[in-house]
Amino acid sequence: MDEKKRIVNLQILGVVVSLNISDKNEEIVRYAAKKLNDRAKDIKEKNPTFESTTLLAYLALEECIGSMNKDKKKNEGFFKRIAIFISEKMNQLFTD
């Protein structure tokens, strides 16, 4: 069954963006747009000379760095668990 979709207009950094989204995703998309606008407002207050394109580039870079840091932490945890597992197995091999 196809999901019901509709056009939602959001204002992001002063630009109206029309998105065709499903009802189940509307809340998260609106929340993300609000967070983006709130963060842009904070940055603009500290850097009033930033133009919209500079501000958008700054936000994109900030988001990308944050995403990379999350991935790194997730991967470090995964590899740490694997290392512990292998270490335990090696200890079992050499102590049995």
C-alpha atoms as a PDB file:
ATOM      1  CA  MET A   1       0.000   0.000   0.000  1.00  0.00           C
ATOM      2  CA  ASP A   2       1.329   3.429  -0.966  1.00  0.00           C
ATOM      3  CA  GLU A   3       1.886   5.963   1.773  1.00  0.00           C
ATOM      4  CA  LYS A   4      -0.200   9.089   1.656  1.00  0.00           C
ATOM      5  CA  LYS A   5       1.995  12.060   0.751  1.00  0.00           C
ATOM      6  CA  ARG A   6       1.365  15.738   0.553  1.00  0.00           C
ATOM      7  CA  ILE A   7       3.166  18.982  -0.150  1.00  0.00           C
ATOM      8  CA  VAL A   8       4.416  20.804   2.933  1.00  0.00           C
ATOM      9  CA  ASN A   9       5.844  24.318   2.697  1.00  0.00           C
ATOM     10  CA  LEU A  10       8.598  25.146   5.168  1.00  0.00           C
ATOM     11  CA  GLN A  11      10.541  28.332   5.597  1.00  0.00           C
ATOM     12  CA  ILE A  12      14.230  27.602   6.060  1.00  0.00           C
ATOM     13  CA  LEU A  13      16.676  30.498   6.362  1.00  0.00           C
ATOM     14  CA  GLY A  14      14.088  32.808   4.836  1.00  0.00           C
ATOM     15  CA  VAL A  15      13.481  30.595   1.812  1.00  0.00           C
ATOM     16  CA  VAL A  16      10.239  28.689   1.281  1.00  0.00           C
ATOM     17  CA  VAL A  17      10.935  25.040   0.559  1.00  0.00           C
ATOM     18  CA  SER A  18       8.151  22.784  -0.757  1.00  0.00           C
ATOM     19  CA  LEU A  19       8.549  19.136   0.133  1.00  0.00           C
ATOM     20  CA  ASN A  20       6.462  16.145  -0.842  1.00  0.00           C
ATOM     21  CA  ILE A  21       6.496  14.061   2.340  1.00  0.00           C
ATOM     22  CA  SER A  22       4.469  11.336   3.976  1.00  0.00           C
ATOM     23  CA  ASP A  23       2.238  12.097   6.922  1.00  0.00           C
ATOM     24  CA  LYS A  24       4.394   9.961   9.198  1.00  0.00           C
ATOM     25  CA  ASN A  25       7.504  12.057   8.385  1.00  0.00           C
ATOM     26  CA  GLU A  26       5.912  15.491   8.673  1.00  0.00           C
ATOM     27  CA  GLU A  27       6.596  15.978  12.378  1.00  0.00           C
ATOM     28  CA  ILE A  28      10.295  15.082  12.133  1.00  0.00           C
ATOM     29  CA  VAL A  29      10.780  17.255   9.038  1.00  0.00           C
ATOM     30  CA  ARG A  30       9.129  20.240  10.711  1.00  0.00           C
ATOM     31  CA  TYR A  31      11.238  19.677  13.839  1.00  0.00           C
ATOM     32  CA  ALA A  32      14.441  19.499  11.768  1.00  0.00           C
ATOM     33  CA  ALA A  33      13.529  22.745   9.975  1.00  0.00           C
ATOM     34  CA  LYS A  34      12.892  24.441  13.329  1.00  0.00           C
ATOM     35  CA  LYS A  35      16.235  23.253  14.722  1.00  0.00           C
ATOM     36  CA  LEU A  36      17.990  24.479  11.578  1.00  0.00           C
ATOM     37  CA  ASN A  37      16.340  27.901  11.784  1.00  0.00           C
ATOM     38  CA  ASP A  38      17.078  28.172  15.522  1.00  0.00           C
ATOM     39  CA  ARG A  39      20.745  27.294  14.990  1.00  0.00           C
ATOM     40  CA  ALA A  40      20.976  29.739  12.070  1.00  0.00           C
ATOM     41  CA  LYS A  41      19.548  32.483  14.299  1.00  0.00           C
ATOM     42  CA  ASP A  42      22.171  31.766  16.980  1.00  0.00           C
ATOM     43  CA  ILE A  43      25.003  31.908  14.447  1.00  0.00           C
ATOM     44  CA  LYS A  44      23.621  35.049  12.802  1.00  0.00           C
ATOM     45  CA  GLU A  45      23.519  36.829  16.168  1.00  0.00           C
ATOM     46  CA  LYS A  46      27.237  36.132  16.656  1.00  0.00           C
ATOM     47  CA  ASN A  47      28.138  36.793  13.002  1.00  0.00           C
ATOM     48  CA  PRO A  48      25.719  39.443  11.713  1.00  0.00           C
ATOM     49  CA  THR A  49      27.705  39.938   8.499  1.00  0.00           C
ATOM     50  CA  PHE A  50      27.142  36.341   7.326  1.00  0.00           C
ATOM     51  CA  GLU A  51      25.092  36.212   4.133  1.00  0.00           C
ATOM     52  CA  SER A  52      22.585  33.401   3.655  1.00  0.00           C
ATOM     53  CA  THR A  53      24.923  31.319   1.486  1.00  0.00           C
ATOM     54  CA  THR A  54      27.772  31.620   4.003  1.00  0.00           C
ATOM     55  CA  LEU A  55      25.401  30.752   6.816  1.00  0.00           C
ATOM     56  CA  LEU A  56      24.091  27.738   4.923  1.00  0.00           C
ATOM     57  CA  ALA A  57      27.637  26.549   4.171  1.00  0.00           C
ATOM     58  CA  TYR A  58      28.543  26.950   7.854  1.00  0.00           C
ATOM     59  CA  LEU A  59      25.489  24.939   8.947  1.00  0.00           C
ATOM     60  CA  ALA A  60      26.193  22.191   6.398  1.00  0.00           C
ATOM     61  CA  LEU A  61      29.797  21.897   7.547  1.00  0.00           C
ATOM     62  CA  GLU A  62      28.763  21.861  11.199  1.00  0.00           C
ATOM     63  CA  GLU A  63      26.219  19.103  10.532  1.00  0.00           C
ATOM     64  CA  CYS A  64      28.691  17.063   8.511  1.00  0.00           C
ATOM     65  CA  ILE A  65      31.328  17.253  11.266  1.00  0.00           C
ATOM     66  CA  GLY A  66      28.757  16.265  13.879  1.00  0.00           C
ATOM     67  CA  SER A  67      27.641  13.310  11.788  1.00  0.00           C
ATOM     68  CA  MET A  68      31.215  12.168  11.249  1.00  0.00           C
ATOM     69  CA  ASN A  69      31.891  12.363  15.001  1.00  0.00           C
ATOM     70  CA  LYS A  70      28.795  10.258  15.734  1.00  0.00           C
ATOM     71  CA  ASP A  71      29.881   7.663  13.154  1.00  0.00           C
ATOM     72  CA  LYS A  72      33.377   7.595  14.610  1.00  0.00           C
ATOM     73  CA  LYS A  73      32.074   7.025  18.153  1.00  0.00           C
ATOM     74  CA  LYS A  74      29.691   4.328  16.950  1.00  0.00           C
ATOM     75  CA  ASN A  75      32.467   2.557  15.031  1.00  0.00           C
ATOM     76  CA  GLU A  76      34.933   2.862  17.908  1.00  0.00           C
ATOM     77  CA  GLY A  77      32.396   1.185  20.203  1.00  0.00           C
ATOM     78  CA  PHE A  78      31.803  -1.565  17.666  1.00  0.00           C
ATOM     79  CA  PHE A  79      35.504  -2.245  17.149  1.00  0.00           C
ATOM     80  CA  LYS A  80      36.151  -2.123  20.885  1.00  0.00           C
ATOM     81  CA  ARG A  81      33.498  -4.815  21.451  1.00  0.00           C
ATOM     82  CA  ILE A  82      35.045  -6.952  18.720  1.00  0.00           C
ATOM     83  CA  ALA A  83      38.525  -6.511  20.224  1.00  0.00           C
ATOM     84  CA  ILE A  84      37.235  -7.552  23.663  1.00  0.00           C
ATOM     85  CA  PHE A  85      35.491 -10.586  22.169  1.00  0.00           C
ATOM     86  CA  ILE A  86      38.622 -11.666  20.267  1.00  0.00           C
ATOM     87  CA  SER A  87      40.771 -11.055  23.344  1.00  0.00           C
ATOM     88  CA  GLU A  88      38.498 -13.258  25.456  1.00  0.00           C
ATOM     89  CA  LYS A  89      38.560 -16.024  22.843  1.00  0.00           C
ATOM     90  CA  MET A  90      42.351 -15.823  22.615  1.00  0.00           C
ATOM     91  CA  ASN A  91      42.617 -16.062  26.393  1.00  0.00           C
ATOM     92  CA  GLN A  92      40.381 -19.141  26.327  1.00  0.00           C
ATOM     93  CA  LEU A  93      42.558 -20.770  23.654  1.00  0.00           C
ATOM     94  CA  PHE A  94      45.757 -20.222  25.556  1.00  0.00           C
ATOM     95  CA  THR A  95      44.434 -21.051  29.036  1.00  0.00           C
ATOM     96  CA  ASP A  96      42.573 -24.273  28.172  1.00  0.00           C
END
